[in-house]
């Protein structure tokens, strides 16, 4: 594996050897998920393993949650427990 920084120092080229079958799987996934190229896909996978992320569905759920709070569609934990029949004793 080798690395090489570009002239502005922001991006680093990373050369990695992988088995041919893994490369084929990477290419298939990148195409299926509509990445522009293999590098974009690999960068995203690396980010996902090093940074906490939310899936698009989770992001949508968080946005809906904030919208519910803003619209007053919330309840207290006591109300939720009562509605769900959860006894705190």
Protein backbone atom coordinates (compact mmCIF):
# COMPACT_ATOMS: atom_id res chain seq x y z
CA UNK A 1 0.00 0.00 0.00
CA UNK A 2 1.30 3.47 -0.79
CA UNK A 3 -0.02 7.00 -0.39
CA UNK A 4 0.61 10.16 -2.36
CA UNK A 5 -0.60 13.70 -1.51
CA UNK A 6 -1.77 15.98 -4.33
CA UNK A 7 -0.36 19.48 -4.82
CA UNK A 8 -2.85 21.24 -2.52
CA UNK A 9 -2.46 18.65 0.26
CA UNK A 10 -6.17 17.98 0.63
CA UNK A 11 -6.50 14.59 -1.02
CA UNK A 12 -4.15 11.66 -0.72
CA UNK A 13 -3.89 8.91 -3.29
CA UNK A 14 -4.05 5.50 -1.67
CA UNK A 15 -2.98 2.43 -3.63
CA UNK A 16 -4.31 -0.84 -2.22
CA UNK A 17 -4.18 -4.34 -3.65
CA UNK A 18 -7.40 -6.35 -3.36
CA UNK A 19 -8.46 -9.73 -4.71
CA UNK A 20 -10.07 -9.53 -8.15
CA UNK A 21 -13.41 -10.87 -6.82
CA UNK A 22 -13.53 -8.13 -4.17
CA UNK A 23 -12.87 -5.48 -6.81
CA UNK A 24 -15.72 -6.90 -8.89
CA UNK A 25 -18.02 -6.70 -5.86
CA UNK A 26 -16.94 -3.12 -5.17
CA UNK A 27 -17.65 -2.16 -8.77
CA UNK A 28 -21.05 -3.89 -8.71
CA UNK A 29 -22.06 -2.16 -5.49
CA UNK A 30 -20.78 1.22 -6.66
CA UNK A 31 -22.84 0.92 -9.83
CA UNK A 32 -25.93 -0.38 -8.02
CA UNK A 33 -25.76 2.46 -5.49
CA UNK A 34 -25.16 4.97 -8.31
CA UNK A 35 -21.74 6.22 -7.30
CA UNK A 36 -19.96 8.17 -10.02
CA UNK A 37 -16.87 6.02 -9.70
CA UNK A 38 -15.11 3.40 -7.59
CA UNK A 39 -13.12 6.01 -5.62
CA UNK A 40 -16.29 7.76 -4.43
CA UNK A 41 -17.66 4.46 -3.20
CA UNK A 42 -14.45 3.48 -1.40
CA UNK A 43 -14.20 6.94 0.25
CA UNK A 44 -17.78 6.59 1.50
CA UNK A 45 -17.11 3.11 2.90
CA UNK A 46 -13.99 4.40 4.66
CA UNK A 47 -15.93 7.36 6.09
CA UNK A 48 -18.67 5.01 7.28
CA UNK A 49 -16.15 2.95 9.20
CA UNK A 50 -14.40 5.93 10.78
CA UNK A 51 -17.25 8.42 11.37
CA UNK A 52 -20.66 7.93 12.93
CA UNK A 53 -23.26 8.22 10.17
CA UNK A 54 -26.97 8.07 9.66
CA UNK A 55 -28.48 6.14 6.82
CA UNK A 56 -30.80 8.11 4.54
CA UNK A 57 -33.76 6.43 6.27
CA UNK A 58 -32.45 7.35 9.71
CA UNK A 59 -31.81 10.94 8.57
CA UNK A 60 -35.40 11.10 7.33
CA UNK A 61 -36.64 9.76 10.69
CA UNK A 62 -34.65 12.38 12.58
CA UNK A 63 -36.07 15.12 10.34
CA UNK A 64 -39.59 13.82 10.90
CA UNK A 65 -38.92 13.77 14.64
CA UNK A 66 -37.84 17.41 14.62
CA UNK A 67 -40.94 18.28 12.56
CA UNK A 68 -43.13 16.48 15.12
CA UNK A 69 -41.54 18.43 17.96
CA UNK A 70 -41.97 21.72 16.09
CA UNK A 71 -45.64 20.88 15.41
CA UNK A 72 -46.28 19.88 19.01
CA UNK A 73 -46.86 16.20 18.16
CA UNK A 74 -45.05 14.94 21.24
CA UNK A 75 -45.91 13.33 24.58
CA UNK A 76 -44.19 12.91 27.89
CA UNK A 77 -42.50 9.65 28.83
CA UNK A 78 -45.26 9.06 31.39
CA UNK A 79 -47.90 9.45 28.67
CA UNK A 80 -45.97 7.07 26.40
CA UNK A 81 -45.64 4.47 29.16
CA UNK A 82 -49.36 4.70 29.91
CA UNK A 83 -50.29 4.44 26.23
CA UNK A 84 -48.02 1.41 25.79
CA UNK A 85 -49.13 -0.20 29.04
CA UNK A 86 -45.69 -0.13 30.61
CA UNK A 87 -45.66 -0.27 34.40
CA UNK A 88 -42.72 1.57 36.01
CA UNK A 89 -43.02 -0.32 39.31
